[in-house]
Amino acid sequence: MTSLGHNLILAAVILTSVAIFIRHFFGDWSGAQVQRVADILIRRGGWMAAVGIRLNRQSGGQADCSSGCNSCSGCASERTTKPSQLIAVERQQ
């Protein structure tokens, strides 16, 4: 593999790490930036509007936890957690 390939892989790993860091420690700010980009893409129209709508949906849109169950993707749905998948955890002292 050439040094260009190594550099591209290293850049992808670093950018992914930075994105995870920003989302973890600056969640409100990064969510606002995603919303801002989604609004710009929706206004442009065409295929960019489809990407903007998808970004808007992934960032939660305007929904909050008072909008009903699973409007903010915070509730466990029946499809993701079944009683047979739950594991009993005992507290050790």
C-alpha atoms as a PDB file:
ATOM      1  CA  MET A   1       0.000   0.000   0.000  1.00  0.00           C
ATOM      2  CA  THR A   2       1.323   3.425  -0.855  1.00  0.00           C
ATOM      3  CA  SER A   3       1.859   6.259   1.563  1.00  0.00           C
ATOM      4  CA  LEU A   4      -1.171   7.998   0.000  1.00  0.00           C
ATOM      5  CA  GLY A   5      -3.354   5.061   0.985  1.00  0.00           C
ATOM      6  CA  HIS A   6      -1.952   5.085   4.505  1.00  0.00           C
ATOM      7  CA  ASN A   7      -2.537   8.817   4.788  1.00  0.00           C
ATOM      8  CA  LEU A   8      -6.138   8.490   3.586  1.00  0.00           C
ATOM      9  CA  ILE A   9      -6.861   5.755   6.128  1.00  0.00           C
ATOM     10  CA  LEU A  10      -5.203   7.780   8.891  1.00  0.00           C
ATOM     11  CA  ALA A  11      -7.189  10.891   7.907  1.00  0.00           C
ATOM     12  CA  ALA A  12     -10.453   8.897   7.986  1.00  0.00           C
ATOM     13  CA  VAL A  13      -9.672   7.553  11.464  1.00  0.00           C
ATOM     14  CA  ILE A  14      -8.728  11.004  12.790  1.00  0.00           C
ATOM     15  CA  LEU A  15     -11.815  12.693  11.290  1.00  0.00           C
ATOM     16  CA  THR A  16     -14.072  10.010  12.737  1.00  0.00           C
ATOM     17  CA  SER A  17     -12.462  10.425  16.156  1.00  0.00           C
ATOM     18  CA  VAL A  18     -12.871  14.201  16.039  1.00  0.00           C
ATOM     19  CA  ALA A  19     -16.520  13.869  14.997  1.00  0.00           C
ATOM     20  CA  ILE A  20     -17.235  11.482  17.882  1.00  0.00           C
ATOM     21  CA  PHE A  21     -15.417  13.792  20.320  1.00  0.00           C
ATOM     22  CA  ILE A  22     -17.402  16.835  19.186  1.00  0.00           C
ATOM     23  CA  ARG A  23     -20.739  14.993  19.326  1.00  0.00           C
ATOM     24  CA  HIS A  24     -19.944  13.700  22.811  1.00  0.00           C
ATOM     25  CA  PHE A  25     -18.660  16.872  24.468  1.00  0.00           C
ATOM     26  CA  PHE A  26     -20.423  19.530  22.379  1.00  0.00           C
ATOM     27  CA  GLY A  27     -23.690  17.746  21.589  1.00  0.00           C
ATOM     28  CA  ASP A  28     -25.976  20.799  21.579  1.00  0.00           C
ATOM     29  CA  TRP A  29     -23.614  22.807  19.404  1.00  0.00           C
ATOM     30  CA  SER A  30     -23.034  19.978  16.926  1.00  0.00           C
ATOM     31  CA  GLY A  31     -26.776  19.281  16.754  1.00  0.00           C
ATOM     32  CA  ALA A  32     -27.396  22.949  15.931  1.00  0.00           C
ATOM     33  CA  GLN A  33     -24.767  22.817  13.185  1.00  0.00           C
ATOM     34  CA  VAL A  34     -26.315  19.686  11.652  1.00  0.00           C
ATOM     35  CA  GLN A  35     -29.724  21.381  11.753  1.00  0.00           C
ATOM     36  CA  ARG A  36     -28.257  24.462  10.068  1.00  0.00           C
ATOM     37  CA  VAL A  37     -26.720  22.399   7.250  1.00  0.00           C
ATOM     38  CA  ALA A  38     -29.972  20.431   6.837  1.00  0.00           C
ATOM     39  CA  ASP A  39     -31.964  23.679   6.486  1.00  0.00           C
ATOM     40  CA  ILE A  40     -29.554  24.982   3.827  1.00  0.00           C
ATOM     41  CA  LEU A  41     -29.756  21.719   1.857  1.00  0.00           C
ATOM     42  CA  ILE A  42     -33.571  21.642   2.046  1.00  0.00           C
ATOM     43  CA  ARG A  43     -33.749  25.179   0.640  1.00  0.00           C
ATOM     44  CA  ARG A  44     -31.492  24.258  -2.314  1.00  0.00           C
ATOM     45  CA  GLY A  45     -33.906  21.579  -3.494  1.00  0.00           C
ATOM     46  CA  GLY A  46     -33.373  18.515  -5.649  1.00  0.00           C
ATOM     47  CA  TRP A  47     -31.236  15.691  -4.333  1.00  0.00           C
ATOM     48  CA  MET A  48     -29.749  18.059  -1.748  1.00  0.00           C
ATOM     49  CA  ALA A  49     -33.215  18.472  -0.208  1.00  0.00           C
ATOM     50  CA  ALA A  50     -33.451  14.707   0.215  1.00  0.00           C
ATOM     51  CA  VAL A  51     -30.107  14.691   2.028  1.00  0.00           C
ATOM     52  CA  GLY A  52     -31.244  17.642   4.172  1.00  0.00           C
ATOM     53  CA  ILE A  53     -34.459  15.869   5.135  1.00  0.00           C
ATOM     54  CA  ARG A  54     -32.479  12.782   6.103  1.00  0.00           C
ATOM     55  CA  LEU A  55     -30.070  14.867   8.198  1.00  0.00           C
ATOM     56  CA  ASN A  56     -33.013  16.624   9.814  1.00  0.00           C
ATOM     57  CA  ARG A  57     -34.593  13.280  10.706  1.00  0.00           C
ATOM     58  CA  GLN A  58     -31.333  11.902  12.140  1.00  0.00           C
ATOM     59  CA  SER A  59     -30.727  14.956  14.305  1.00  0.00           C
ATOM     60  CA  GLY A  60     -34.173  14.586  15.843  1.00  0.00           C
ATOM     61  CA  GLY A  61     -35.843  17.423  13.989  1.00  0.00           C
ATOM     62  CA  GLN A  62     -38.111  19.560  16.165  1.00  0.00           C
ATOM     63  CA  ALA A  63     -39.308  16.655  18.316  1.00  0.00           C
ATOM     64  CA  ASP A  64     -38.675  16.474  22.025  1.00  0.00           C
ATOM     65  CA  CYS A  65     -39.580  13.955  24.688  1.00  0.00           C
ATOM     66  CA  SER A  66     -42.969  15.577  25.275  1.00  0.00           C
ATOM     67  CA  SER A  67     -44.076  14.856  21.694  1.00  0.00           C
ATOM     68  CA  GLY A  68     -44.996  11.256  22.383  1.00  0.00           C
ATOM     69  CA  CYS A  69     -43.270   7.939  22.563  1.00  0.00           C
ATOM     70  CA  ASN A  70     -40.231   7.475  20.338  1.00  0.00           C
ATOM     71  CA  SER A  71     -40.456  10.950  18.785  1.00  0.00           C
ATOM     72  CA  CYS A  72     -36.904  11.609  19.946  1.00  0.00           C
ATOM     73  CA  SER A  73     -35.692   8.004  19.395  1.00  0.00           C
ATOM     74  CA  GLY A  74     -35.037   7.768  23.118  1.00  0.00           C
ATOM     75  CA  CYS A  75     -37.573   5.051  23.897  1.00  0.00           C
ATOM     76  CA  ALA A  76     -36.796   1.385  23.456  1.00  0.00           C
ATOM     77  CA  SER A  77     -39.082  -0.031  20.832  1.00  0.00           C
ATOM     78  CA  GLU A  78     -40.525  -3.513  20.776  1.00  0.00           C
ATOM     79  CA  ARG A  79     -38.314  -4.406  17.846  1.00  0.00           C
ATOM     80  CA  THR A  80     -35.046  -3.479  19.562  1.00  0.00           C
ATOM     81  CA  THR A  81     -35.539  -4.951  23.048  1.00  0.00           C
ATOM     82  CA  LYS A  82     -37.432  -8.126  23.759  1.00  0.00           C
ATOM     83  CA  PRO A  83     -37.865  -9.573  27.263  1.00  0.00           C
ATOM     84  CA  SER A  84     -35.896 -12.652  26.198  1.00  0.00           C
ATOM     85  CA  GLN A  85     -32.907 -10.390  25.411  1.00  0.00           C
ATOM     86  CA  LEU A  86     -32.784  -8.805  28.861  1.00  0.00           C
ATOM     87  CA  ILE A  87     -30.089 -10.038  31.202  1.00  0.00           C
ATOM     88  CA  ALA A  88     -30.472  -9.982  34.966  1.00  0.00           C
ATOM     89  CA  VAL A  89     -27.637  -8.060  36.591  1.00  0.00           C
ATOM     90  CA  GLU A  90     -26.841  -8.615  40.231  1.00  0.00           C
ATOM     91  CA  ARG A  91     -25.255  -5.874  42.253  1.00  0.00           C
ATOM     92  CA  GLN A  92     -21.983  -6.888  43.868  1.00  0.00           C
ATOM     93  CA  GLN A  93     -20.926  -5.302  47.150  1.00  0.00           C
END
